[in-house]
Protein backbone atom coordinates (compact mmCIF):
# COMPACT_ATOMS: atom_id res chain seq x y z
CA UNK A 1 30.76 78.16 110.73
CA UNK A 2 31.56 81.61 111.07
CA UNK A 3 35.09 82.95 111.37
CA UNK A 4 34.32 84.21 114.78
CA UNK A 5 33.69 80.49 116.05
CA UNK A 6 36.88 79.23 114.51
CA UNK A 7 38.88 79.76 117.52
CA UNK A 8 38.24 78.29 120.96
CA UNK A 9 37.56 80.78 123.64
CA UNK A 10 39.75 80.73 126.62
CA UNK A 11 38.39 79.19 129.75
CA UNK A 12 36.98 81.92 132.10
CA UNK A 13 35.91 82.00 135.77
CA UNK A 14 33.46 84.35 137.47
CA UNK A 15 36.27 85.29 139.80
CA UNK A 16 39.04 87.84 139.78
CA UNK A 17 41.69 85.14 140.55
CA UNK A 18 41.57 81.27 140.20
CA UNK A 19 41.56 79.21 143.27
CA UNK A 20 43.82 76.36 143.80
CA UNK A 21 43.57 73.48 146.29
CA UNK A 22 46.09 73.84 149.10
CA UNK A 23 46.78 71.80 152.35
CA UNK A 24 49.41 73.73 154.30
CA UNK A 25 49.49 74.49 157.97
CA UNK A 26 48.35 77.99 158.51
CA UNK A 27 48.90 80.26 161.62
CA UNK A 28 46.70 83.25 162.24
CA UNK A 29 46.54 86.07 164.72
CA UNK A 30 43.43 88.33 165.08
CA UNK A 31 44.32 92.02 164.76
CA UNK A 32 42.38 93.39 167.62
CA UNK A 33 42.77 94.13 171.28
CA UNK A 34 43.19 90.56 172.45
CA UNK A 35 45.39 89.31 169.40
CA UNK A 36 43.95 85.79 169.63
CA UNK A 37 46.09 83.19 167.77
CA UNK A 38 45.40 79.88 166.22
CA UNK A 39 46.36 77.31 163.65
CA UNK A 40 44.49 75.56 160.70
CA UNK A 41 44.88 73.87 157.42
CA UNK A 42 44.54 75.76 154.05
CA UNK A 43 41.96 74.40 151.75
CA UNK A 44 42.19 76.69 148.77
CA UNK A 45 44.26 79.65 147.82
CA UNK A 46 44.23 82.61 145.25
CA UNK A 47 46.12 85.88 144.77
CA UNK A 48 43.32 87.41 146.43
CA UNK A 49 42.76 85.30 149.39
CA UNK A 50 42.75 82.07 151.30
CA UNK A 51 40.10 79.43 152.58
CA UNK A 52 41.19 77.62 155.65
CA UNK A 53 39.71 75.33 158.35
CA UNK A 54 40.05 75.86 162.07
CA UNK A 55 38.54 74.60 165.28
CA UNK A 56 37.87 78.03 166.62
CA UNK A 57 34.91 80.03 165.42
CA UNK A 58 36.18 83.49 164.21
CA UNK A 59 34.06 86.60 163.50
CA UNK A 60 33.04 87.84 160.21
CA UNK A 61 34.52 91.04 159.41
CA UNK A 62 37.62 90.70 161.81
CA UNK A 63 41.14 91.57 160.48
CA UNK A 64 43.74 89.00 160.83
CA UNK A 65 47.34 88.22 159.92
CA UNK A 66 48.00 84.76 158.26
CA UNK A 67 51.24 82.99 157.64
CA UNK A 68 51.62 79.56 155.76
CA UNK A 69 54.13 77.92 153.48
CA UNK A 70 54.05 77.66 149.55
CA UNK A 71 56.90 76.13 147.54
CA UNK A 72 59.09 76.12 150.59
CA UNK A 73 58.58 79.96 151.06
CA UNK A 74 56.75 81.43 154.10
CA UNK A 75 53.73 83.57 152.84
CA UNK A 76 52.46 86.25 155.09
CA UNK A 77 49.50 88.39 154.51
CA UNK A 78 46.69 90.25 156.37
CA UNK A 79 43.06 90.49 155.50
CA UNK A 80 39.49 90.50 156.48
CA UNK A 81 37.32 87.47 157.31
CA UNK A 82 34.54 87.54 154.63
CA UNK A 83 32.62 84.55 155.62
CA UNK A 84 32.60 81.46 158.04
CA UNK A 85 30.96 78.22 157.27
CA UNK A 86 30.50 75.59 160.12
CA UNK A 87 31.48 72.28 158.72
CA UNK A 88 31.07 70.00 161.85
CA UNK A 89 30.41 70.77 165.56
CA UNK A 90 33.97 71.74 166.22
CA UNK A 91 35.20 72.64 162.53
CA UNK A 92 34.80 75.88 160.68
CA UNK A 93 35.82 76.96 157.22
CA UNK A 94 37.06 80.56 157.22
CA UNK A 95 37.40 82.71 154.00
CA UNK A 96 40.00 85.62 154.29
CA UNK A 97 40.18 88.30 151.48
CA UNK A 98 43.84 89.54 151.49
CA UNK A 99 44.21 93.39 152.18
CA UNK A 100 47.99 93.34 152.24
CA UNK A 101 50.34 90.83 150.63
CA UNK A 102 53.66 91.43 149.13
CA UNK A 103 54.29 91.29 145.43
CA UNK A 104 56.65 88.31 145.79
CA UNK A 105 54.16 86.29 147.63
CA UNK A 106 51.48 87.04 145.20
CA UNK A 107 53.78 86.06 142.28
CA UNK A 108 54.30 82.61 144.12
CA UNK A 109 50.60 82.02 144.37
CA UNK A 110 49.97 83.11 140.80
CA UNK A 111 52.83 80.54 139.66
CA UNK A 112 50.95 77.83 141.45
CA UNK A 113 47.61 78.82 139.86
CA UNK A 114 49.04 79.18 136.46
CA UNK A 115 50.39 75.60 136.44
CA UNK A 116 46.73 74.38 137.00
CA UNK A 117 44.82 77.12 134.90
CA UNK A 118 47.33 78.33 132.19
CA UNK A 119 44.51 80.19 130.30
CA UNK A 120 42.70 81.81 132.99
CA UNK A 121 41.01 85.10 132.23
CA UNK A 122 39.32 86.98 135.09
CA UNK A 123 35.73 88.00 134.60
C-alpha cells in the first residue's frame, strides 16, 4: 500500500454546502408587484438555500423572502426559486437559492450541518 493510501479521504459532496433535513414551518412572500404570501414546511436546508413544500404553485425564477425557525432563532433570507417539483395534485416542492442571508443565520445553518457532516469538503 502506498503512503498516499494510508489516510482515509474526507467525505465529499458534489455540492457547495451540505444539505440537512429540516421540518420547520416556513413563511414566504413573493417579491413582485402582488407580493403573494404563503406557508409551507421545510424539507432540507443548507447555507445556500432551502427546499420546502407548499400547496401553491410558485414560478421558477421568482424572487421571494422566506422566514423559518432554527434552534429557536428566526432565520430570514431572500432568494430565487430555482426549481419546482409537483409531488401530488396539490403539493409542490420548491427549491430556493439564497441571494441574501445574514452571516449569523448562515452560521446557525452551518452549525446544524456540521453536527451531521463534520468532515464535509465542498466540491
